[in-house]
Amino acid sequence: MNGPNMQTLIVQPENKEQLLAVESVLKLLKINFVVEEDEALPTYVADGTKESMLEAQAGKLTPFTSIREMLDVK
């Protein structure tokens, strides 16, 4: 697919208008491209992350030195 000295370009348009413009230019220049959909985080992951950030901001941090300590495994 990529010849010698070719590079991969990652473009992240912020809206549909930018996406359509970039796709149009690439097609006009006959440049191959692949469109990949962003994968959304599962709700429980996003909720857990928000909760953890709030706890950290409130100073409710628990330092761990090992995975065994974190899992309370002896």
N, C-alpha and C. Protein backbone atom coordinates (compact mmCIF):
# COMPACT_ATOMS: atom_id res chain seq x y z
N MET A 1 0.82 -1.19 0.00
CA MET A 1 0.00 0.00 0.00
C MET A 1 0.87 1.26 0.00
N ASN A 2 1.78 1.37 0.97
CA ASN A 2 2.69 2.51 1.01
C ASN A 2 3.99 2.12 0.32
N GLY A 3 4.44 2.96 -0.59
CA GLY A 3 5.71 2.71 -1.26
C GLY A 3 6.86 3.18 -0.40
N PRO A 4 8.07 3.10 -0.94
CA PRO A 4 9.24 3.55 -0.18
C PRO A 4 9.12 5.04 0.16
N ASN A 5 9.54 5.37 1.37
CA ASN A 5 9.55 6.75 1.85
C ASN A 5 8.15 7.37 1.94
N MET A 6 7.12 6.55 2.02
CA MET A 6 5.77 7.07 2.17
C MET A 6 5.45 7.18 3.66
N GLN A 7 4.55 8.05 4.00
CA GLN A 7 4.17 8.26 5.39
C GLN A 7 2.67 8.12 5.54
N THR A 8 2.25 7.84 6.76
CA THR A 8 0.83 7.80 7.08
C THR A 8 0.46 9.10 7.75
N LEU A 9 -0.64 9.67 7.35
CA LEU A 9 -1.12 10.93 7.90
C LEU A 9 -2.41 10.67 8.66
N ILE A 10 -2.46 11.09 9.91
CA ILE A 10 -3.68 10.94 10.70
C ILE A 10 -4.33 12.31 10.79
N VAL A 11 -5.57 12.41 10.33
CA VAL A 11 -6.30 13.67 10.32
C VAL A 11 -7.52 13.50 11.21
N GLN A 12 -7.78 14.47 12.08
CA GLN A 12 -8.91 14.36 12.99
C GLN A 12 -9.81 15.59 12.84
N PRO A 13 -10.71 15.56 11.87
CA PRO A 13 -11.61 16.70 11.69
C PRO A 13 -12.53 16.86 12.90
N GLU A 14 -12.89 18.11 13.17
CA GLU A 14 -13.70 18.41 14.34
C GLU A 14 -15.20 18.36 14.07
N ASN A 15 -15.58 18.34 12.79
CA ASN A 15 -17.01 18.30 12.48
C ASN A 15 -17.21 17.69 11.09
N LYS A 16 -18.47 17.48 10.74
CA LYS A 16 -18.82 16.83 9.48
C LYS A 16 -18.34 17.64 8.28
N GLU A 17 -18.43 18.96 8.37
CA GLU A 17 -18.00 19.83 7.27
C GLU A 17 -16.51 19.64 6.97
N GLN A 18 -15.68 19.61 8.02
CA GLN A 18 -14.25 19.39 7.83
C GLN A 18 -13.98 18.01 7.25
N LEU A 19 -14.71 17.01 7.74
CA LEU A 19 -14.53 15.64 7.25
C LEU A 19 -14.82 15.57 5.75
N LEU A 20 -15.93 16.15 5.33
CA LEU A 20 -16.29 16.12 3.91
C LEU A 20 -15.26 16.88 3.06
N ALA A 21 -14.74 18.00 3.58
CA ALA A 21 -13.75 18.77 2.83
C ALA A 21 -12.46 17.98 2.66
N VAL A 22 -12.00 17.34 3.74
CA VAL A 22 -10.76 16.55 3.67
C VAL A 22 -10.94 15.38 2.71
N GLU A 23 -12.06 14.68 2.82
CA GLU A 23 -12.32 13.55 1.92
C GLU A 23 -12.35 14.00 0.47
N SER A 24 -12.96 15.15 0.20
CA SER A 24 -13.05 15.67 -1.17
C SER A 24 -11.67 15.96 -1.74
N VAL A 25 -10.81 16.59 -0.94
CA VAL A 25 -9.45 16.91 -1.40
C VAL A 25 -8.67 15.64 -1.67
N LEU A 26 -8.76 14.68 -0.77
CA LEU A 26 -8.02 13.42 -0.95
C LEU A 26 -8.49 12.69 -2.21
N LYS A 27 -9.80 12.67 -2.44
CA LYS A 27 -10.33 12.03 -3.64
C LYS A 27 -9.85 12.76 -4.90
N LEU A 28 -9.87 14.08 -4.86
CA LEU A 28 -9.44 14.89 -6.00
C LEU A 28 -7.98 14.61 -6.34
N LEU A 29 -7.14 14.44 -5.31
CA LEU A 29 -5.72 14.17 -5.52
C LEU A 29 -5.43 12.68 -5.72
N LYS A 30 -6.49 11.87 -5.73
CA LYS A 30 -6.37 10.42 -5.90
C LYS A 30 -5.45 9.80 -4.85
N ILE A 31 -5.65 10.24 -3.60
CA ILE A 31 -4.89 9.72 -2.46
C ILE A 31 -5.78 8.71 -1.74
N ASN A 32 -5.26 7.50 -1.56
CA ASN A 32 -6.02 6.48 -0.83
C ASN A 32 -6.14 6.87 0.63
N PHE A 33 -7.30 6.62 1.21
CA PHE A 33 -7.50 6.89 2.63
C PHE A 33 -8.48 5.89 3.21
N VAL A 34 -8.42 5.75 4.53
CA VAL A 34 -9.30 4.84 5.26
C VAL A 34 -10.03 5.66 6.31
N VAL A 35 -11.34 5.48 6.41
CA VAL A 35 -12.13 6.15 7.42
C VAL A 35 -12.40 5.16 8.54
N GLU A 36 -12.05 5.54 9.77
CA GLU A 36 -12.30 4.69 10.93
C GLU A 36 -13.21 5.45 11.89
N GLU A 37 -14.22 4.78 12.37
CA GLU A 37 -15.13 5.39 13.33
C GLU A 37 -14.49 5.39 14.72
N ASP A 38 -14.69 6.47 15.47
CA ASP A 38 -14.22 6.52 16.85
C ASP A 38 -15.05 5.55 17.68
N GLU A 39 -14.37 4.85 18.58
CA GLU A 39 -15.07 3.93 19.46
C GLU A 39 -15.38 4.65 20.77
N ALA A 40 -16.64 4.69 21.13
CA ALA A 40 -17.04 5.32 22.38
C ALA A 40 -16.76 4.39 23.54
N LEU A 41 -16.41 4.98 24.67
CA LEU A 41 -16.20 4.18 25.88
C LEU A 41 -17.55 3.67 26.38
N PRO A 42 -17.58 2.47 26.95
CA PRO A 42 -18.82 2.01 27.57
C PRO A 42 -19.21 2.98 28.69
N THR A 43 -20.50 3.13 28.92
CA THR A 43 -21.00 4.08 29.91
C THR A 43 -20.39 3.84 31.28
N TYR A 44 -20.26 2.57 31.69
CA TYR A 44 -19.72 2.30 33.02
C TYR A 44 -18.26 2.74 33.14
N VAL A 45 -17.51 2.71 32.05
CA VAL A 45 -16.12 3.16 32.09
C VAL A 45 -16.07 4.68 32.20
N ALA A 46 -16.87 5.37 31.40
CA ALA A 46 -16.92 6.83 31.46
C ALA A 46 -17.38 7.30 32.83
N ASP A 47 -18.41 6.65 33.38
CA ASP A 47 -18.92 7.03 34.70
C ASP A 47 -17.86 6.80 35.78
N GLY A 48 -17.17 5.67 35.72
CA GLY A 48 -16.13 5.36 36.69
C GLY A 48 -14.98 6.34 36.62
N THR A 49 -14.64 6.75 35.41
CA THR A 49 -13.56 7.72 35.23
C THR A 49 -13.95 9.07 35.83
N LYS A 50 -15.18 9.51 35.58
CA LYS A 50 -15.65 10.78 36.15
C LYS A 50 -15.64 10.72 37.67
N GLU A 51 -16.12 9.61 38.22
CA GLU A 51 -16.15 9.45 39.67
C GLU A 51 -14.73 9.48 40.25
N SER A 52 -13.81 8.82 39.61
CA SER A 52 -12.42 8.80 40.07
C SER A 52 -11.79 10.19 40.01
N MET A 53 -12.09 10.94 38.97
CA MET A 53 -11.56 12.30 38.85
C MET A 53 -12.09 13.19 39.97
N LEU A 54 -13.37 13.05 40.30
CA LEU A 54 -13.95 13.84 41.39
C LEU A 54 -13.32 13.47 42.72
N GLU A 55 -13.10 12.18 42.95
CA GLU A 55 -12.44 11.73 44.17
C GLU A 55 -11.02 12.28 44.26
N ALA A 56 -10.31 12.28 43.16
CA ALA A 56 -8.94 12.80 43.15
C ALA A 56 -8.92 14.29 43.45
N GLN A 57 -9.88 15.03 42.87
CA GLN A 57 -9.96 16.47 43.12
C GLN A 57 -10.28 16.76 44.58
N ALA A 58 -11.02 15.85 45.23
CA ALA A 58 -11.37 16.00 46.64
C ALA A 58 -10.26 15.50 47.55
N GLY A 59 -9.17 15.01 46.97
CA GLY A 59 -8.05 14.53 47.77
C GLY A 59 -8.22 13.12 48.29
N LYS A 60 -9.18 12.40 47.78
CA LYS A 60 -9.43 11.02 48.21
C LYS A 60 -8.61 10.06 47.36
N LEU A 61 -7.31 10.09 47.56
CA LEU A 61 -6.41 9.24 46.78
C LEU A 61 -5.89 8.10 47.64
N THR A 62 -5.73 6.94 47.05
CA THR A 62 -5.18 5.78 47.74
C THR A 62 -3.94 5.32 46.98
N PRO A 63 -2.75 5.60 47.55
CA PRO A 63 -1.53 5.17 46.85
C PRO A 63 -1.30 3.66 46.99
N PHE A 64 -0.88 3.03 45.92
CA PHE A 64 -0.55 1.60 45.93
C PHE A 64 0.88 1.45 45.42
N THR A 65 1.59 0.48 46.00
CA THR A 65 2.96 0.24 45.55
C THR A 65 3.06 -1.02 44.70
N SER A 66 2.00 -1.83 44.71
CA SER A 66 2.02 -3.04 43.89
C SER A 66 0.60 -3.45 43.55
N ILE A 67 0.48 -4.28 42.55
CA ILE A 67 -0.84 -4.79 42.16
C ILE A 67 -1.41 -5.68 43.25
N ARG A 68 -0.54 -6.42 43.94
CA ARG A 68 -1.00 -7.28 45.05
C ARG A 68 -1.64 -6.44 46.15
N GLU A 69 -1.01 -5.32 46.47
CA GLU A 69 -1.57 -4.43 47.49
C GLU A 69 -2.91 -3.88 47.04
N MET A 70 -2.99 -3.48 45.78
CA MET A 70 -4.23 -2.92 45.26
C MET A 70 -5.37 -3.94 45.31
N LEU A 71 -5.06 -5.20 45.00
CA LEU A 71 -6.07 -6.25 44.99
C LEU A 71 -6.24 -6.90 46.35
N ASP A 72 -5.45 -6.45 47.33
CA ASP A 72 -5.47 -7.00 48.69
C ASP A 72 -5.21 -8.50 48.67
N VAL A 73 -4.17 -8.91 47.93
CA VAL A 73 -3.78 -10.31 47.81
C VAL A 73 -2.51 -10.51 48.63
N LYS A 74 -2.49 -11.54 49.45
CA LYS A 74 -1.29 -11.82 50.28
C LYS A 74 -0.45 -12.89 49.65
